[in-house]
Amino acid sequence: MTSMYVKYLALMGLFLVTSSASAIEFTQVLNDKSSISFGYKQMNVPLDGKFKKFVAQIDFDPAKPEAAQAKFDITIASI
């Protein structure tokens, strides 16, 4: 019974460390490390593309996920 209790405590400790480490508010998008890509079919041939110029704003708070918002302004000519 004791080893089961120790395993349970270790698992709970790991969960608490993991969940507190991931509770970061996201507000910035690093354009040089991000991309917006898409896929489509033309004459039943799969193709993909990518936009090279865009601006993104993200508002995400893990404590209030229902209030999350994202806005993307894409320069269509940068396809």
N, C-alpha and C. Protein backbone atom coordinates (compact mmCIF):
# COMPACT_ATOMS: atom_id res chain seq x y z
N MET A 1 0.82 -1.19 0.00
CA MET A 1 0.00 0.00 0.00
C MET A 1 0.86 1.26 0.00
N THR A 2 1.99 1.23 0.66
CA THR A 2 2.85 2.40 0.75
C THR A 2 3.45 2.75 -0.60
N SER A 3 3.89 1.76 -1.38
CA SER A 3 4.48 2.06 -2.69
C SER A 3 3.44 2.64 -3.64
N MET A 4 2.20 2.20 -3.53
CA MET A 4 1.14 2.76 -4.36
C MET A 4 0.91 4.23 -4.00
N TYR A 5 0.94 4.54 -2.73
CA TYR A 5 0.77 5.91 -2.25
C TYR A 5 1.91 6.79 -2.74
N VAL A 6 3.14 6.30 -2.72
CA VAL A 6 4.30 7.05 -3.19
C VAL A 6 4.20 7.31 -4.69
N LYS A 7 3.78 6.32 -5.46
CA LYS A 7 3.60 6.49 -6.90
C LYS A 7 2.53 7.54 -7.19
N TYR A 8 1.46 7.51 -6.42
CA TYR A 8 0.38 8.49 -6.58
C TYR A 8 0.89 9.91 -6.30
N LEU A 9 1.64 10.07 -5.23
CA LEU A 9 2.19 11.39 -4.89
C LEU A 9 3.18 11.86 -5.96
N ALA A 10 4.00 10.95 -6.46
CA ALA A 10 4.96 11.32 -7.51
C ALA A 10 4.22 11.76 -8.77
N LEU A 11 3.17 11.05 -9.13
CA LEU A 11 2.38 11.40 -10.30
C LEU A 11 1.70 12.75 -10.12
N MET A 12 1.15 13.00 -8.95
CA MET A 12 0.51 14.29 -8.68
C MET A 12 1.54 15.42 -8.70
N GLY A 13 2.71 15.19 -8.17
CA GLY A 13 3.76 16.20 -8.20
C GLY A 13 4.19 16.52 -9.61
N LEU A 14 4.31 15.49 -10.46
CA LEU A 14 4.66 15.71 -11.85
C LEU A 14 3.58 16.51 -12.57
N PHE A 15 2.32 16.20 -12.29
CA PHE A 15 1.21 16.92 -12.89
C PHE A 15 1.24 18.39 -12.47
N LEU A 16 1.47 18.66 -11.21
CA LEU A 16 1.49 20.04 -10.72
C LEU A 16 2.64 20.83 -11.33
N VAL A 17 3.81 20.22 -11.43
CA VAL A 17 4.96 20.90 -12.04
C VAL A 17 4.69 21.17 -13.50
N THR A 18 4.15 20.18 -14.22
CA THR A 18 3.87 20.34 -15.64
C THR A 18 2.81 21.39 -15.88
N SER A 19 1.73 21.36 -15.11
CA SER A 19 0.65 22.31 -15.35
C SER A 19 1.05 23.73 -14.96
N SER A 20 1.86 23.90 -13.94
CA SER A 20 2.28 25.26 -13.58
C SER A 20 3.31 25.79 -14.57
N ALA A 21 4.11 24.91 -15.16
CA ALA A 21 5.10 25.35 -16.14
C ALA A 21 4.44 25.77 -17.44
N SER A 22 3.29 25.19 -17.76
CA SER A 22 2.64 25.53 -19.02
C SER A 22 1.63 26.66 -18.88
N ALA A 23 1.44 27.18 -17.70
CA ALA A 23 0.47 28.25 -17.47
C ALA A 23 1.09 29.60 -17.80
N ILE A 24 1.37 29.80 -19.06
CA ILE A 24 2.00 31.03 -19.54
C ILE A 24 1.01 31.76 -20.42
N GLU A 25 0.93 33.05 -20.24
CA GLU A 25 0.05 33.86 -21.08
C GLU A 25 0.76 34.14 -22.40
N PHE A 26 0.06 33.88 -23.52
CA PHE A 26 0.63 34.09 -24.84
C PHE A 26 0.08 35.37 -25.43
N THR A 27 0.97 36.28 -25.84
CA THR A 27 0.53 37.53 -26.45
C THR A 27 1.36 37.91 -27.66
N GLN A 28 2.50 37.28 -27.87
CA GLN A 28 3.37 37.66 -28.99
C GLN A 28 3.54 36.50 -29.96
N VAL A 29 3.60 36.84 -31.23
CA VAL A 29 3.89 35.86 -32.27
C VAL A 29 5.24 36.24 -32.88
N LEU A 30 6.14 35.28 -32.93
CA LEU A 30 7.45 35.51 -33.52
C LEU A 30 7.36 35.18 -35.00
N ASN A 31 7.25 36.21 -35.83
CA ASN A 31 7.05 36.00 -37.27
C ASN A 31 8.18 35.21 -37.91
N ASP A 32 9.42 35.40 -37.46
CA ASP A 32 10.54 34.68 -38.06
C ASP A 32 10.53 33.19 -37.70
N LYS A 33 9.75 32.80 -36.69
CA LYS A 33 9.66 31.40 -36.29
C LYS A 33 8.26 30.82 -36.53
N SER A 34 7.41 31.58 -37.20
CA SER A 34 6.02 31.17 -37.44
C SER A 34 5.74 31.15 -38.93
N SER A 35 4.68 30.46 -39.29
CA SER A 35 4.28 30.43 -40.70
C SER A 35 2.78 30.20 -40.79
N ILE A 36 2.22 30.67 -41.90
CA ILE A 36 0.83 30.39 -42.23
C ILE A 36 0.85 29.69 -43.58
N SER A 37 0.44 28.44 -43.58
CA SER A 37 0.45 27.67 -44.81
C SER A 37 -0.94 27.08 -45.05
N PHE A 38 -1.15 26.55 -46.25
CA PHE A 38 -2.45 26.02 -46.61
C PHE A 38 -2.26 24.91 -47.64
N GLY A 39 -3.29 24.12 -47.80
CA GLY A 39 -3.29 23.07 -48.79
C GLY A 39 -4.60 23.10 -49.57
N TYR A 40 -4.54 22.67 -50.82
CA TYR A 40 -5.73 22.64 -51.65
C TYR A 40 -5.51 21.63 -52.78
N LYS A 41 -6.57 21.38 -53.53
CA LYS A 41 -6.46 20.50 -54.69
C LYS A 41 -6.87 21.27 -55.93
N GLN A 42 -6.08 21.11 -56.98
CA GLN A 42 -6.39 21.69 -58.29
C GLN A 42 -6.38 20.54 -59.29
N MET A 43 -7.51 20.30 -59.92
CA MET A 43 -7.68 19.18 -60.84
C MET A 43 -7.30 17.87 -60.14
N ASN A 44 -7.73 17.77 -58.89
CA ASN A 44 -7.53 16.60 -58.03
C ASN A 44 -6.05 16.34 -57.69
N VAL A 45 -5.20 17.33 -57.88
CA VAL A 45 -3.78 17.22 -57.52
C VAL A 45 -3.55 18.04 -56.25
N PRO A 46 -3.07 17.40 -55.17
CA PRO A 46 -2.84 18.15 -53.94
C PRO A 46 -1.67 19.12 -54.07
N LEU A 47 -1.90 20.35 -53.67
CA LEU A 47 -0.87 21.40 -53.70
C LEU A 47 -0.85 22.09 -52.35
N ASP A 48 0.24 22.75 -52.06
CA ASP A 48 0.31 23.54 -50.82
C ASP A 48 0.97 24.87 -51.10
N GLY A 49 0.76 25.80 -50.20
CA GLY A 49 1.32 27.14 -50.34
C GLY A 49 1.59 27.75 -48.98
N LYS A 50 2.20 28.92 -49.02
CA LYS A 50 2.60 29.58 -47.78
C LYS A 50 2.56 31.08 -48.00
N PHE A 51 2.09 31.80 -46.99
CA PHE A 51 2.14 33.27 -47.01
C PHE A 51 3.42 33.72 -46.33
N LYS A 52 4.16 34.61 -46.99
CA LYS A 52 5.45 35.06 -46.45
C LYS A 52 5.33 36.27 -45.55
N LYS A 53 4.26 37.07 -45.71
CA LYS A 53 4.10 38.28 -44.89
C LYS A 53 2.76 38.24 -44.16
N PHE A 54 2.83 38.37 -42.85
CA PHE A 54 1.63 38.42 -42.04
C PHE A 54 1.95 39.05 -40.69
N VAL A 55 0.93 39.54 -40.06
CA VAL A 55 1.03 40.07 -38.70
C VAL A 55 -0.01 39.34 -37.88
N ALA A 56 0.37 38.87 -36.71
CA ALA A 56 -0.56 38.12 -35.87
C ALA A 56 -0.55 38.67 -34.45
N GLN A 57 -1.72 38.66 -33.86
CA GLN A 57 -1.88 39.04 -32.46
C GLN A 57 -2.66 37.93 -31.77
N ILE A 58 -2.15 37.46 -30.65
CA ILE A 58 -2.82 36.41 -29.89
C ILE A 58 -2.98 36.88 -28.46
N ASP A 59 -4.14 36.64 -27.91
CA ASP A 59 -4.42 36.95 -26.51
C ASP A 59 -4.95 35.67 -25.87
N PHE A 60 -4.07 34.95 -25.16
CA PHE A 60 -4.45 33.69 -24.53
C PHE A 60 -3.95 33.65 -23.11
N ASP A 61 -4.88 33.49 -22.18
CA ASP A 61 -4.57 33.33 -20.76
C ASP A 61 -5.10 31.97 -20.34
N PRO A 62 -4.22 31.04 -19.92
CA PRO A 62 -4.68 29.71 -19.53
C PRO A 62 -5.74 29.73 -18.42
N ALA A 63 -5.76 30.76 -17.62
CA ALA A 63 -6.76 30.85 -16.56
C ALA A 63 -8.14 31.20 -17.13
N LYS A 64 -8.19 31.79 -18.32
CA LYS A 64 -9.46 32.18 -18.96
C LYS A 64 -9.45 31.77 -20.44
N PRO A 65 -9.42 30.47 -20.75
CA PRO A 65 -9.34 30.05 -22.16
C PRO A 65 -10.56 30.47 -22.99
N GLU A 66 -11.70 30.65 -22.35
CA GLU A 66 -12.90 31.04 -23.09
C GLU A 66 -12.80 32.46 -23.63
N ALA A 67 -11.89 33.27 -23.13
CA ALA A 67 -11.73 34.65 -23.58
C ALA A 67 -10.61 34.79 -24.62
N ALA A 68 -10.04 33.69 -25.08
CA ALA A 68 -8.92 33.74 -26.03
C ALA A 68 -9.35 34.36 -27.35
N GLN A 69 -8.41 35.11 -27.95
CA GLN A 69 -8.66 35.77 -29.23
C GLN A 69 -7.40 35.68 -30.08
N ALA A 70 -7.60 35.64 -31.39
CA ALA A 70 -6.48 35.66 -32.34
C ALA A 70 -6.88 36.51 -33.53
N LYS A 71 -5.93 37.30 -34.03
CA LYS A 71 -6.17 38.15 -35.19
C LYS A 71 -4.97 38.00 -36.13
N PHE A 72 -5.26 37.74 -37.40
CA PHE A 72 -4.22 37.59 -38.40
C PHE A 72 -4.50 38.54 -39.55
N ASP A 73 -3.52 39.34 -39.91
CA ASP A 73 -3.58 40.18 -41.11
C ASP A 73 -2.56 39.62 -42.08
N ILE A 74 -3.06 39.06 -43.19
CA ILE A 74 -2.20 38.39 -44.17
C ILE A 74 -2.09 39.24 -45.42
N THR A 75 -0.87 39.43 -45.90
CA THR A 75 -0.64 40.10 -47.18
C THR A 75 -0.82 39.05 -48.27
N ILE A 76 -1.96 39.10 -48.94
CA ILE A 76 -2.32 38.08 -49.93
C ILE A 76 -1.27 38.00 -51.04
N ALA A 77 -0.69 39.14 -51.43
CA ALA A 77 0.31 39.15 -52.50
C ALA A 77 1.60 38.42 -52.12
N SER A 78 1.76 38.04 -50.86
CA SER A 78 2.98 37.37 -50.44
C SER A 78 2.88 35.85 -50.59
N ILE A 79 1.88 35.35 -51.29
CA ILE A 79 1.69 33.93 -51.46
C ILE A 79 2.80 33.30 -52.29
